[in-house]
């Protein structure tokens, strides 16, 4: 546990150093970046430079060496370079969890929904998912189909909440 905490603390400290160290473009920096087909045009942090796909940590070390040798290069580099993908995946997971909370009525007539793709209508009618999240994970059911289901469910919910005379127009 101590070794894990030491590693995590060292990674966090180096990440902080990279984030806080900002540099203006110079010929010396651009000569280090040139072998990676990169050039620095404006002030940026070391973190911003390392996020670039072709720039390795070794180039960052040449530009601005750490006070002591840093041994967790692969972990830090992976974390920084894939952070955008990780955030996007987290958002997708949150969206999926949200959709799992939306129940689909068991009597839902998918085959009558002309605005769903034919494949989606057939699969939804056959598989009868209990939630929108389940429906979204069925092959052949597109995000557009899920949007149609969401709109249909919301319209049904609003209709069900209106008094009878408001629906009939009397």
N, C-alpha and C. Protein backbone atom coordinates (compact mmCIF):
# COMPACT_ATOMS: atom_id res chain seq x y z
N UNK A 1 0.83 -1.18 0.00
CA UNK A 1 0.00 0.00 0.00
C UNK A 1 0.88 1.25 0.00
N UNK A 2 1.96 1.20 0.77
CA UNK A 2 2.88 2.33 0.80
C UNK A 2 3.51 2.57 -0.57
N UNK A 3 3.88 1.49 -1.23
CA UNK A 3 4.48 1.61 -2.56
C UNK A 3 3.47 2.22 -3.54
N UNK A 4 2.21 1.79 -3.46
CA UNK A 4 1.17 2.35 -4.33
C UNK A 4 1.00 3.84 -4.06
N UNK A 5 0.90 4.21 -2.79
CA UNK A 5 0.73 5.62 -2.45
C UNK A 5 1.92 6.46 -2.88
N UNK A 6 3.12 5.93 -2.74
CA UNK A 6 4.31 6.63 -3.18
C UNK A 6 4.26 6.87 -4.70
N UNK A 7 3.91 5.82 -5.43
CA UNK A 7 3.80 5.93 -6.89
C UNK A 7 2.75 6.97 -7.26
N UNK A 8 1.58 6.89 -6.66
CA UNK A 8 0.49 7.82 -6.97
C UNK A 8 0.91 9.26 -6.66
N UNK A 9 1.58 9.46 -5.53
CA UNK A 9 2.03 10.80 -5.15
C UNK A 9 3.06 11.35 -6.14
N UNK A 10 3.98 10.49 -6.57
CA UNK A 10 5.00 10.92 -7.53
C UNK A 10 4.36 11.28 -8.88
N UNK A 11 3.40 10.49 -9.32
CA UNK A 11 2.69 10.78 -10.57
C UNK A 11 1.92 12.08 -10.45
N UNK A 12 1.24 12.27 -9.33
CA UNK A 12 0.48 13.49 -9.10
C UNK A 12 1.39 14.71 -9.08
N UNK A 13 2.53 14.60 -8.42
CA UNK A 13 3.47 15.72 -8.34
C UNK A 13 4.03 16.07 -9.73
N UNK A 14 4.37 15.05 -10.52
CA UNK A 14 4.91 15.32 -11.86
C UNK A 14 3.83 15.89 -12.76
N UNK A 15 2.61 15.39 -12.62
CA UNK A 15 1.49 15.92 -13.39
C UNK A 15 1.30 17.41 -13.06
N UNK A 16 1.37 17.74 -11.79
CA UNK A 16 1.24 19.14 -11.35
C UNK A 16 2.36 19.99 -11.95
N UNK A 17 3.58 19.48 -11.93
CA UNK A 17 4.71 20.22 -12.50
C UNK A 17 4.48 20.48 -13.99
N UNK A 18 4.04 19.46 -14.71
CA UNK A 18 3.79 19.61 -16.14
C UNK A 18 2.67 20.61 -16.41
N UNK A 19 1.65 20.60 -15.60
CA UNK A 19 0.51 21.50 -15.77
C UNK A 19 0.91 22.95 -15.46
N UNK A 20 1.74 23.14 -14.45
CA UNK A 20 2.08 24.50 -14.00
C UNK A 20 3.26 25.12 -14.75
N UNK A 21 4.07 24.32 -15.40
CA UNK A 21 5.23 24.85 -16.12
C UNK A 21 4.80 25.28 -17.52
N UNK A 22 4.78 26.58 -17.72
CA UNK A 22 4.38 27.14 -19.02
C UNK A 22 5.61 27.72 -19.69
N UNK A 23 5.71 27.49 -20.98
CA UNK A 23 6.87 27.96 -21.73
C UNK A 23 6.41 28.69 -22.98
N UNK A 24 7.19 29.71 -23.34
CA UNK A 24 6.97 30.40 -24.60
C UNK A 24 7.78 29.67 -25.67
N UNK A 25 7.35 29.73 -26.91
CA UNK A 25 8.08 29.05 -27.97
C UNK A 25 9.48 29.65 -28.16
N UNK A 26 10.44 28.77 -28.34
CA UNK A 26 11.81 29.19 -28.63
C UNK A 26 12.38 28.27 -29.69
N UNK A 27 13.46 28.68 -30.29
CA UNK A 27 14.12 27.82 -31.29
C UNK A 27 14.61 26.53 -30.63
N UNK A 28 15.10 26.63 -29.38
CA UNK A 28 15.61 25.44 -28.69
C UNK A 28 14.48 24.42 -28.47
N UNK A 29 13.31 24.89 -28.03
CA UNK A 29 12.17 23.99 -27.81
C UNK A 29 11.73 23.37 -29.14
N UNK A 30 11.64 24.19 -30.17
CA UNK A 30 11.19 23.68 -31.47
C UNK A 30 12.20 22.70 -32.07
N UNK A 31 13.47 22.87 -31.75
CA UNK A 31 14.46 21.89 -32.26
C UNK A 31 14.29 20.54 -31.57
N UNK A 32 13.85 20.53 -30.30
CA UNK A 32 13.57 19.28 -29.60
C UNK A 32 12.31 18.63 -30.17
N UNK A 33 11.33 19.45 -30.52
CA UNK A 33 10.05 18.93 -31.02
C UNK A 33 10.11 18.53 -32.51
N UNK A 34 11.05 19.08 -33.25
CA UNK A 34 11.12 18.86 -34.71
C UNK A 34 11.16 17.38 -35.10
N UNK A 35 11.93 16.51 -34.44
CA UNK A 35 11.93 15.10 -34.86
C UNK A 35 10.56 14.42 -34.74
N UNK A 36 9.66 15.03 -34.01
CA UNK A 36 8.32 14.46 -33.82
C UNK A 36 7.29 15.17 -34.70
N UNK A 37 7.79 15.95 -35.67
CA UNK A 37 6.92 16.72 -36.57
C UNK A 37 5.99 17.65 -35.80
N UNK A 38 6.50 18.25 -34.78
CA UNK A 38 5.73 19.20 -33.97
C UNK A 38 6.48 20.51 -33.91
N UNK A 39 5.73 21.57 -33.67
CA UNK A 39 6.31 22.89 -33.49
C UNK A 39 5.45 23.63 -32.47
N UNK A 40 6.08 24.42 -31.68
CA UNK A 40 5.37 25.20 -30.66
C UNK A 40 5.19 26.61 -31.22
N UNK A 41 3.95 27.05 -31.36
CA UNK A 41 3.65 28.36 -31.95
C UNK A 41 3.27 29.39 -30.90
N UNK A 42 2.78 28.92 -29.76
CA UNK A 42 2.35 29.85 -28.71
C UNK A 42 2.68 29.27 -27.34
N UNK A 43 2.56 30.11 -26.33
CA UNK A 43 2.85 29.66 -24.97
C UNK A 43 1.95 28.47 -24.63
N UNK A 44 2.57 27.48 -24.01
CA UNK A 44 1.83 26.26 -23.64
C UNK A 44 2.48 25.65 -22.41
N UNK A 45 1.73 24.82 -21.74
CA UNK A 45 2.28 24.09 -20.59
C UNK A 45 2.98 22.83 -21.10
N UNK A 46 3.82 22.29 -20.25
CA UNK A 46 4.46 21.02 -20.60
C UNK A 46 3.40 19.94 -20.77
N UNK A 47 2.34 20.03 -19.97
CA UNK A 47 1.23 19.07 -20.09
C UNK A 47 0.62 19.14 -21.48
N UNK A 48 0.40 20.37 -21.98
CA UNK A 48 -0.16 20.53 -23.32
C UNK A 48 0.75 19.90 -24.38
N UNK A 49 2.05 20.07 -24.20
CA UNK A 49 2.99 19.47 -25.15
C UNK A 49 2.94 17.94 -25.10
N UNK A 50 2.90 17.40 -23.89
CA UNK A 50 2.88 15.95 -23.74
C UNK A 50 1.58 15.32 -24.24
N UNK A 51 0.50 16.07 -24.22
CA UNK A 51 -0.78 15.57 -24.74
C UNK A 51 -0.72 15.35 -26.25
N UNK A 52 0.18 16.02 -26.93
CA UNK A 52 0.29 15.84 -28.38
C UNK A 52 0.68 14.39 -28.66
N UNK A 53 0.00 13.76 -29.60
CA UNK A 53 0.18 12.33 -29.82
C UNK A 53 1.62 11.88 -30.09
N UNK A 54 2.38 12.68 -30.80
CA UNK A 54 3.73 12.24 -31.20
C UNK A 54 4.82 12.64 -30.21
N UNK A 55 4.50 13.48 -29.24
CA UNK A 55 5.53 13.98 -28.33
C UNK A 55 5.67 13.04 -27.13
N UNK A 56 6.85 12.41 -26.97
CA UNK A 56 7.06 11.53 -25.82
C UNK A 56 7.56 12.30 -24.60
N UNK A 57 7.49 11.65 -23.47
CA UNK A 57 7.97 12.26 -22.23
C UNK A 57 9.46 12.61 -22.33
N UNK A 58 10.22 11.84 -23.07
CA UNK A 58 11.64 12.11 -23.24
C UNK A 58 11.89 13.50 -23.81
N UNK A 59 11.04 13.96 -24.72
CA UNK A 59 11.17 15.31 -25.27
C UNK A 59 10.89 16.35 -24.20
N UNK A 60 9.92 16.08 -23.36
CA UNK A 60 9.58 17.00 -22.26
C UNK A 60 10.77 17.09 -21.31
N UNK A 61 11.40 15.96 -21.04
CA UNK A 61 12.58 15.93 -20.16
C UNK A 61 13.72 16.76 -20.76
N UNK A 62 13.87 16.74 -22.07
CA UNK A 62 14.91 17.54 -22.72
C UNK A 62 14.60 19.03 -22.60
N UNK A 63 13.32 19.37 -22.71
CA UNK A 63 12.92 20.78 -22.65
C UNK A 63 13.00 21.31 -21.23
N UNK A 64 12.52 20.52 -20.28
CA UNK A 64 12.48 20.96 -18.88
C UNK A 64 12.63 19.74 -17.97
N UNK A 65 13.86 19.38 -17.62
CA UNK A 65 14.07 18.19 -16.80
C UNK A 65 13.46 18.30 -15.41
N UNK A 66 12.98 17.17 -14.91
CA UNK A 66 12.46 17.11 -13.54
C UNK A 66 13.64 17.20 -12.57
N UNK A 67 13.36 17.58 -11.33
CA UNK A 67 14.42 17.71 -10.32
C UNK A 67 15.08 16.37 -10.02
N UNK A 68 14.27 15.30 -10.03
CA UNK A 68 14.82 13.97 -9.79
C UNK A 68 14.24 13.02 -10.83
N UNK A 69 14.92 11.91 -11.08
CA UNK A 69 14.41 10.98 -12.11
C UNK A 69 12.97 10.54 -11.82
N UNK A 70 12.18 10.53 -12.88
CA UNK A 70 10.77 10.14 -12.77
C UNK A 70 10.61 8.77 -13.40
N UNK A 71 10.18 7.79 -12.62
CA UNK A 71 10.13 6.41 -13.11
C UNK A 71 8.76 5.94 -13.60
N UNK A 72 7.74 6.77 -13.50
CA UNK A 72 6.38 6.34 -13.87
C UNK A 72 5.94 7.00 -15.18
N UNK A 73 6.87 7.08 -16.12
CA UNK A 73 6.63 7.76 -17.39
C UNK A 73 5.44 7.16 -18.14
N UNK A 74 5.41 5.84 -18.28
CA UNK A 74 4.35 5.20 -19.06
C UNK A 74 2.97 5.49 -18.48
N UNK A 75 2.84 5.40 -17.17
CA UNK A 75 1.55 5.67 -16.53
C UNK A 75 1.10 7.11 -16.76
N UNK A 76 2.02 8.05 -16.55
CA UNK A 76 1.68 9.47 -16.70
C UNK A 76 1.36 9.80 -18.16
N UNK A 77 2.18 9.32 -19.05
CA UNK A 77 1.98 9.59 -20.47
C UNK A 77 0.64 9.02 -20.95
N UNK A 78 0.34 7.81 -20.54
CA UNK A 78 -0.92 7.18 -20.93
C UNK A 78 -2.10 7.96 -20.36
N UNK A 79 -2.01 8.33 -19.11
CA UNK A 79 -3.09 9.09 -18.47
C UNK A 79 -3.36 10.40 -19.20
N UNK A 80 -2.30 11.13 -19.54
CA UNK A 80 -2.47 12.42 -20.20
C UNK A 80 -2.94 12.29 -21.64
N UNK A 81 -2.33 11.38 -22.38
CA UNK A 81 -2.66 11.27 -23.80
C UNK A 81 -4.07 10.71 -24.03
N UNK A 82 -4.56 9.91 -23.09
CA UNK A 82 -5.88 9.30 -23.27
C UNK A 82 -6.96 9.95 -22.42
N UNK A 83 -6.64 11.04 -21.73
CA UNK A 83 -7.60 11.67 -20.84
C UNK A 83 -8.88 12.08 -21.56
N UNK A 84 -8.77 12.62 -22.76
CA UNK A 84 -9.97 13.01 -23.52
C UNK A 84 -10.86 11.82 -23.82
N UNK A 85 -10.25 10.71 -24.20
CA UNK A 85 -11.01 9.50 -24.49
C UNK A 85 -11.67 8.97 -23.21
N UNK A 86 -10.94 9.03 -22.11
CA UNK A 86 -11.46 8.54 -20.84
C UNK A 86 -12.66 9.39 -20.40
N UNK A 87 -12.55 10.71 -20.54
CA UNK A 87 -13.66 11.60 -20.17
C UNK A 87 -14.88 11.32 -21.05
N UNK A 88 -14.65 11.11 -22.34
CA UNK A 88 -15.76 10.81 -23.25
C UNK A 88 -16.43 9.50 -22.85
N UNK A 89 -15.62 8.50 -22.48
CA UNK A 89 -16.17 7.21 -22.07
C UNK A 89 -16.97 7.35 -20.78
N UNK A 90 -16.47 8.15 -19.84
CA UNK A 90 -17.21 8.39 -18.60
C UNK A 90 -18.56 9.04 -18.88
N UNK A 91 -18.58 9.97 -19.83
CA UNK A 91 -19.85 10.61 -20.20
C UNK A 91 -20.80 9.60 -20.82
N UNK A 92 -20.27 8.69 -21.64
CA UNK A 92 -21.11 7.66 -22.24
C UNK A 92 -21.67 6.72 -21.18
N UNK A 93 -20.86 6.39 -20.19
CA UNK A 93 -21.32 5.53 -19.10
C UNK A 93 -22.42 6.23 -18.32
N UNK A 94 -22.23 7.51 -18.03
CA UNK A 94 -23.26 8.28 -17.30
C UNK A 94 -24.55 8.34 -18.10
N UNK A 95 -24.44 8.55 -19.41
CA UNK A 95 -25.63 8.58 -20.26
C UNK A 95 -26.32 7.22 -20.26
N UNK A 96 -25.54 6.15 -20.32
CA UNK A 96 -26.10 4.81 -20.30
C UNK A 96 -26.83 4.54 -18.99
N UNK A 97 -26.22 4.97 -17.88
CA UNK A 97 -26.87 4.79 -16.58
C UNK A 97 -28.17 5.58 -16.50
N UNK A 98 -28.17 6.76 -17.09
CA UNK A 98 -29.38 7.58 -17.12
C UNK A 98 -30.48 6.87 -17.91
N UNK A 99 -30.10 6.31 -19.07
CA UNK A 99 -31.08 5.61 -19.90
C UNK A 99 -31.59 4.34 -19.21
N UNK A 100 -30.74 3.71 -18.39
CA UNK A 100 -31.18 2.52 -17.65
C UNK A 100 -32.27 2.85 -16.65
N UNK A 101 -32.39 4.13 -16.30
CA UNK A 101 -33.43 4.54 -15.35
C UNK A 101 -34.76 4.87 -16.01
N UNK A 102 -34.82 4.81 -17.34
CA UNK A 102 -36.06 5.14 -18.06
C UNK A 102 -36.75 3.83 -18.45
N UNK A 103 -37.85 3.54 -17.79
CA UNK A 103 -38.59 2.29 -18.05
C UNK A 103 -39.40 2.40 -19.34
N UNK A 104 -39.45 1.31 -20.06
CA UNK A 104 -40.29 1.22 -21.25
C UNK A 104 -41.54 0.43 -20.89
N UNK A 105 -42.72 0.95 -21.25
CA UNK A 105 -43.95 0.22 -20.93
C UNK A 105 -43.97 -1.15 -21.61
N UNK A 106 -44.38 -2.19 -20.89
CA UNK A 106 -44.38 -3.53 -21.48
C UNK A 106 -45.31 -3.65 -22.69
N UNK A 107 -46.34 -2.83 -22.76
CA UNK A 107 -47.31 -2.91 -23.85
C UNK A 107 -46.92 -2.05 -25.05
N UNK A 108 -45.75 -1.44 -25.03
CA UNK A 108 -45.30 -0.54 -26.08
C UNK A 108 -45.37 -1.24 -27.43
N UNK A 109 -46.02 -0.60 -28.42
CA UNK A 109 -46.17 -1.19 -29.75
C UNK A 109 -45.09 -0.62 -30.68
N UNK A 110 -43.94 -1.26 -30.69
CA UNK A 110 -42.81 -0.80 -31.49
C UNK A 110 -43.09 -0.90 -32.99
N UNK A 111 -43.82 -1.95 -33.38
CA UNK A 111 -44.08 -2.17 -34.81
C UNK A 111 -44.92 -1.06 -35.42
N UNK A 112 -45.70 -0.35 -34.60
CA UNK A 112 -46.54 0.73 -35.11
C UNK A 112 -45.78 2.05 -35.22
N UNK A 113 -44.54 2.09 -34.76
CA UNK A 113 -43.77 3.33 -34.77
C UNK A 113 -43.02 3.47 -36.10
N UNK A 114 -43.63 4.16 -37.05
CA UNK A 114 -43.05 4.31 -38.38
C UNK A 114 -41.75 5.11 -38.38
N UNK A 115 -41.54 5.94 -37.36
CA UNK A 115 -40.33 6.76 -37.34
C UNK A 115 -39.12 6.02 -36.76
N UNK A 116 -39.29 4.77 -36.36
CA UNK A 116 -38.16 3.92 -35.99
C UNK A 116 -37.70 3.15 -37.22
N UNK A 117 -36.41 2.88 -37.30
CA UNK A 117 -35.91 2.06 -38.40
C UNK A 117 -36.57 0.68 -38.33
N UNK A 118 -36.77 0.08 -39.48
CA UNK A 118 -37.46 -1.22 -39.54
C UNK A 118 -36.76 -2.26 -38.67
N UNK A 119 -35.43 -2.31 -38.77
CA UNK A 119 -34.67 -3.28 -37.98
C UNK A 119 -34.87 -3.03 -36.48
N UNK A 120 -34.88 -1.77 -36.08
CA UNK A 120 -35.08 -1.43 -34.67
C UNK A 120 -36.47 -1.86 -34.21
N UNK A 121 -37.50 -1.56 -35.02
CA UNK A 121 -38.87 -1.96 -34.66
C UNK A 121 -38.96 -3.46 -34.43
N UNK A 122 -38.40 -4.23 -35.35
CA UNK A 122 -38.47 -5.69 -35.25
C UNK A 122 -37.73 -6.22 -34.02
N UNK A 123 -36.52 -5.70 -33.79
CA UNK A 123 -35.74 -6.20 -32.66
C UNK A 123 -36.36 -5.78 -31.33
N UNK A 124 -36.83 -4.54 -31.25
CA UNK A 124 -37.46 -4.08 -30.00
C UNK A 124 -38.74 -4.88 -29.71
N UNK A 125 -39.53 -5.15 -30.75
CA UNK A 125 -40.77 -5.91 -30.57
C UNK A 125 -40.46 -7.34 -30.13
N UNK A 126 -39.39 -7.91 -30.67
CA UNK A 126 -39.03 -9.29 -30.34
C UNK A 126 -38.39 -9.39 -28.96
N UNK A 127 -37.48 -8.47 -28.64
CA UNK A 127 -36.71 -8.57 -27.39
C UNK A 127 -37.39 -7.91 -26.19
N UNK A 128 -38.27 -6.95 -26.43
CA UNK A 128 -39.05 -6.27 -25.38
C UNK A 128 -38.15 -5.79 -24.21
N UNK A 129 -37.23 -4.86 -24.47
CA UNK A 129 -36.37 -4.36 -23.39
C UNK A 129 -37.20 -3.67 -22.31
N UNK A 130 -36.73 -3.76 -21.08
CA UNK A 130 -37.45 -3.15 -19.95
C UNK A 130 -37.10 -1.68 -19.78
N UNK A 131 -35.89 -1.29 -20.22
CA UNK A 131 -35.47 0.10 -20.07
C UNK A 131 -34.91 0.62 -21.38
N UNK A 132 -34.81 1.94 -21.46
CA UNK A 132 -34.21 2.57 -22.63
C UNK A 132 -32.74 2.19 -22.75
N UNK A 133 -32.07 2.01 -21.62
CA UNK A 133 -30.66 1.59 -21.62
C UNK A 133 -30.50 0.23 -22.27
N UNK A 134 -31.38 -0.70 -21.93
CA UNK A 134 -31.33 -2.03 -22.56
C UNK A 134 -31.57 -1.89 -24.06
N UNK A 135 -32.54 -1.07 -24.42
CA UNK A 135 -32.85 -0.87 -25.84
C UNK A 135 -31.64 -0.31 -26.58
N UNK A 136 -30.90 0.59 -25.94
CA UNK A 136 -29.75 1.22 -26.61
C UNK A 136 -28.61 0.25 -26.85
N UNK A 137 -28.59 -0.86 -26.12
CA UNK A 137 -27.51 -1.84 -26.29
C UNK A 137 -27.87 -2.97 -27.25
N UNK A 138 -29.03 -2.89 -27.86
CA UNK A 138 -29.44 -3.89 -28.84
C UNK A 138 -28.82 -3.52 -30.19
N UNK A 139 -28.13 -4.48 -30.79
CA UNK A 139 -27.54 -4.24 -32.11
C UNK A 139 -28.61 -3.89 -33.12
N UNK A 140 -28.37 -2.85 -33.89
CA UNK A 140 -29.34 -2.43 -34.89
C UNK A 140 -30.25 -1.32 -34.42
N UNK A 141 -30.22 -1.02 -33.12
CA UNK A 141 -30.99 0.11 -32.58
C UNK A 141 -30.01 1.29 -32.48
N UNK A 142 -30.27 2.32 -33.26
CA UNK A 142 -29.35 3.45 -33.37
C UNK A 142 -29.64 4.52 -32.33
N UNK A 143 -28.72 5.44 -32.11
CA UNK A 143 -28.99 6.57 -31.23
C UNK A 143 -30.22 7.37 -31.68
N UNK A 144 -30.44 7.45 -33.00
CA UNK A 144 -31.63 8.14 -33.50
C UNK A 144 -32.90 7.41 -33.06
N UNK A 145 -32.87 6.09 -33.07
CA UNK A 145 -34.03 5.31 -32.61
C UNK A 145 -34.29 5.57 -31.13
N UNK A 146 -33.22 5.66 -30.34
CA UNK A 146 -33.36 5.92 -28.91
C UNK A 146 -33.97 7.31 -28.70
N UNK A 147 -33.54 8.27 -29.51
CA UNK A 147 -34.12 9.62 -29.42
C UNK A 147 -35.61 9.60 -29.73
N UNK A 148 -36.00 8.86 -30.74
CA UNK A 148 -37.42 8.73 -31.09
C UNK A 148 -38.19 8.13 -29.92
N UNK A 149 -37.64 7.09 -29.31
CA UNK A 149 -38.30 6.47 -28.16
C UNK A 149 -38.42 7.46 -27.00
N UNK A 150 -37.37 8.22 -26.76
CA UNK A 150 -37.41 9.22 -25.68
C UNK A 150 -38.50 10.25 -25.92
N UNK A 151 -38.57 10.77 -27.14
CA UNK A 151 -39.59 11.77 -27.48
C UNK A 151 -40.98 11.16 -27.34
N UNK A 152 -41.16 9.94 -27.81
CA UNK A 152 -42.46 9.26 -27.73
C UNK A 152 -42.87 9.04 -26.28
N UNK A 153 -41.91 8.60 -25.45
CA UNK A 153 -42.21 8.39 -24.03
C UNK A 153 -42.58 9.70 -23.33
N UNK A 154 -41.86 10.77 -23.65
CA UNK A 154 -42.15 12.07 -23.04
C UNK A 154 -43.54 12.57 -23.47
N UNK A 155 -43.87 12.41 -24.74
CA UNK A 155 -45.19 12.81 -25.23
C UNK A 155 -46.28 12.01 -24.54
N UNK A 156 -46.07 10.70 -24.37
CA UNK A 156 -47.04 9.84 -23.69
C UNK A 156 -47.19 10.26 -22.23
N UNK A 157 -46.06 10.57 -21.59
CA UNK A 157 -46.10 10.99 -20.18
C UNK A 157 -46.90 12.28 -20.03
N UNK A 158 -46.70 13.23 -20.95
CA UNK A 158 -47.43 14.50 -20.88
C UNK A 158 -48.92 14.29 -21.15
N UNK A 159 -49.25 13.44 -22.13
CA UNK A 159 -50.66 13.15 -22.43
C UNK A 159 -51.35 12.54 -21.22
N UNK A 160 -50.65 11.60 -20.56
CA UNK A 160 -51.23 10.91 -19.43
C UNK A 160 -51.46 11.84 -18.24
N UNK A 161 -50.69 12.93 -18.17
CA UNK A 161 -50.82 13.88 -17.04
C UNK A 161 -51.90 14.93 -17.28
N UNK A 162 -52.32 15.15 -18.55
CA UNK A 162 -53.33 16.16 -18.84
C UNK A 162 -54.72 15.66 -18.47
N UNK A 163 -55.59 16.56 -17.99
CA UNK A 163 -56.98 16.16 -17.72
C UNK A 163 -57.68 15.73 -19.02
N UNK A 164 -58.70 14.90 -18.89
CA UNK A 164 -59.39 14.33 -20.06
C UNK A 164 -59.93 15.39 -20.99
N UNK A 165 -60.54 16.49 -20.46
CA UNK A 165 -61.11 17.50 -21.35
C UNK A 165 -60.03 18.24 -22.13
N UNK A 166 -58.82 18.37 -21.58
CA UNK A 166 -57.73 19.05 -22.30
C UNK A 166 -57.28 18.23 -23.49
N UNK A 167 -57.31 16.90 -23.35
CA UNK A 167 -56.90 16.03 -24.43
C UNK A 167 -57.92 16.06 -25.56
N UNK A 168 -59.22 16.01 -25.22
CA UNK A 168 -60.26 15.96 -26.23
C UNK A 168 -60.59 17.34 -26.79
N UNK A 169 -60.12 18.41 -26.13
CA UNK A 169 -60.35 19.74 -26.64
C UNK A 169 -61.65 20.35 -26.15
N UNK A 170 -62.33 19.73 -25.18
CA UNK A 170 -63.59 20.28 -24.66
C UNK A 170 -63.39 21.06 -23.40
